Amino acid sequence: MRVAITSQGTDLDSPVDPRFARAKWFLIVDIETREVETVDNAQNLQAAHGAGPQAAQTVVNSGVGAVITGHCGPRAFRTLQAVGVEVMIGAEGTVAEALEKYENGELRSAEQADVEAHWV
């Protein structure tokens, strides 16, 4: 399975970006092979509207089964939920640490968005 982790940089030692829709990067990690794909999210950093659904579509197009992030807004959450992508919230530290917590079952699966729309 592939997971998307919000990141402030382009490698596993980068800090997790606490924002989903306006994260600087998505690191797409294949859990089995440990291959990492870096996806730039620049188009959504300054978007006036629609950042959540657009960011969600970006990770869905990367073939992920789960998203690991600090927080997720309502429009992004609904978009991800609609296509069966699990949203894990509460991630912090480095991307590598968040991935380890995910694999150890230490992150919680969100039942709903945990921040309001346009959360900075």
Protein backbone atom coordinates (compact mmCIF):
# COMPACT_ATOMS: atom_id res chain seq x y z
CA MET A 1 0.00 0.00 0.00
CA ARG A 2 1.04 3.59 -0.64
CA VAL A 3 0.52 6.37 1.90
CA ALA A 4 0.79 10.14 1.51
CA ILE A 5 2.47 12.06 4.33
CA THR A 6 2.31 15.84 4.47
CA SER A 7 5.81 17.25 4.62
CA GLN A 8 7.67 20.54 4.88
CA GLY A 9 10.56 19.09 2.86
CA THR A 10 11.45 16.46 0.31
CA ASP A 11 12.86 13.60 2.37
CA LEU A 12 11.92 11.33 5.27
CA ASP A 13 13.88 13.47 7.74
CA SER A 14 11.71 16.52 6.95
CA PRO A 15 9.16 17.73 9.51
CA VAL A 16 5.56 16.69 9.01
CA ASP A 17 3.53 19.62 7.70
CA PRO A 18 0.57 19.95 10.09
CA ARG A 19 -1.71 21.14 7.27
CA PHE A 20 -3.11 18.77 4.68
CA ALA A 21 -4.44 21.00 1.92
CA ARG A 22 -1.70 23.61 2.17
CA ALA A 23 1.21 21.29 2.92
CA LYS A 24 4.35 22.15 0.97
CA TRP A 25 4.92 18.56 -0.14
CA PHE A 26 3.35 15.13 -0.10
CA LEU A 27 5.76 12.26 0.31
CA ILE A 28 4.18 9.16 -1.18
CA VAL A 29 5.71 6.11 0.50
CA ASP A 30 5.22 2.52 -0.61
CA ILE A 31 4.99 0.65 2.71
CA GLU A 32 6.36 -2.59 1.26
CA THR A 33 9.25 -1.36 -0.91
CA ARG A 34 10.04 1.89 0.96
CA GLU A 35 10.10 3.75 -2.36
CA VAL A 36 9.45 7.46 -1.86
CA GLU A 37 7.87 9.75 -4.44
CA THR A 38 7.89 13.50 -3.82
CA VAL A 39 4.82 15.45 -4.94
CA ASP A 40 4.95 19.26 -4.93
CA ASN A 41 1.77 20.89 -3.61
CA ALA A 42 2.73 24.47 -4.58
CA GLN A 43 -0.47 24.99 -6.57
CA ASN A 44 -2.47 24.88 -3.34
CA LEU A 45 -0.26 26.92 -1.02
CA GLN A 46 -1.80 30.24 -2.03
CA ALA A 47 -5.10 29.03 -3.49
CA ALA A 48 -7.99 31.28 -2.50
CA HIS A 49 -10.52 28.44 -2.67
CA GLY A 50 -10.58 24.72 -3.33
CA ALA A 51 -7.21 23.80 -1.82
CA GLY A 52 -8.68 20.87 0.13
CA PRO A 53 -10.38 19.02 -2.70
CA GLN A 54 -7.49 19.78 -5.09
CA ALA A 55 -4.90 18.45 -2.63
CA ALA A 56 -7.07 15.40 -2.02
CA GLN A 57 -7.30 14.75 -5.75
CA THR A 58 -3.52 15.06 -6.03
CA VAL A 59 -2.91 12.29 -3.50
CA VAL A 60 -5.75 10.14 -4.84
CA ASN A 61 -4.14 10.34 -8.29
CA SER A 62 -0.94 9.04 -6.68
CA GLY A 63 -2.74 5.83 -5.73
CA VAL A 64 -2.64 6.11 -1.95
CA GLY A 65 -4.77 4.19 0.50
CA ALA A 66 -4.11 6.49 3.45
CA VAL A 67 -3.08 10.05 4.25
CA ILE A 68 -0.96 10.90 7.29
CA THR A 69 -1.12 14.52 8.45
CA GLY A 70 -1.45 16.77 11.43
CA HIS A 71 -4.89 18.14 10.59
CA CYS A 72 -7.48 17.84 7.83
CA GLY A 73 -10.30 20.23 6.91
CA PRO A 74 -13.86 19.28 5.98
CA ARG A 75 -13.75 19.53 2.18
CA ALA A 76 -10.51 17.57 1.88
CA PHE A 77 -11.78 15.02 4.38
CA ARG A 78 -15.04 14.47 2.48
CA THR A 79 -13.16 14.11 -0.81
CA LEU A 80 -10.75 11.54 0.62
CA GLN A 81 -13.48 9.66 2.47
CA ALA A 82 -15.63 9.46 -0.69
CA VAL A 83 -12.97 7.43 -2.47
CA GLY A 84 -12.03 5.26 0.51
CA VAL A 85 -8.74 6.91 1.49
CA GLU A 86 -8.18 6.64 5.24
CA VAL A 87 -7.18 9.89 6.95
CA MET A 88 -4.78 9.64 9.88
CA ILE A 89 -4.47 12.82 11.94
CA GLY A 90 -2.24 13.92 14.80
CA ALA A 91 1.05 13.26 13.03
CA GLU A 92 4.05 15.28 14.17
CA GLY A 93 7.83 15.06 14.24
CA THR A 94 9.59 13.91 11.12
CA VAL A 95 8.00 12.09 8.21
CA ALA A 96 9.97 8.96 9.17
CA GLU A 97 8.64 9.16 12.75
CA ALA A 98 5.07 9.62 11.52
CA LEU A 99 5.43 6.64 9.20
CA GLU A 100 6.73 4.51 12.07
CA LYS A 101 3.82 5.57 14.29
CA TYR A 102 1.40 4.71 11.48
CA GLU A 103 2.91 1.27 11.04
CA ASN A 104 2.76 0.69 14.81
CA GLY A 105 -0.91 1.70 14.96
CA GLU A 106 -0.14 4.79 17.06
CA LEU A 107 -1.99 7.32 14.87
CA ARG A 108 -5.74 7.71 14.99
CA SER A 109 -8.00 7.33 12.01
CA ALA A 110 -10.17 10.42 11.69
CA GLU A 111 -13.93 10.04 11.73
CA GLN A 112 -14.36 13.64 10.59
CA ALA A 113 -12.38 16.77 9.85
CA ASP A 114 -10.58 18.14 12.89
CA VAL A 115 -10.26 21.79 11.75
CA GLU A 116 -12.56 24.22 9.99
CA ALA A 117 -12.33 25.22 6.34
CA HIS A 118 -9.58 27.74 5.51
CA TRP A 119 -7.59 26.73 8.60
CA VAL A 120 -4.07 28.12 8.46
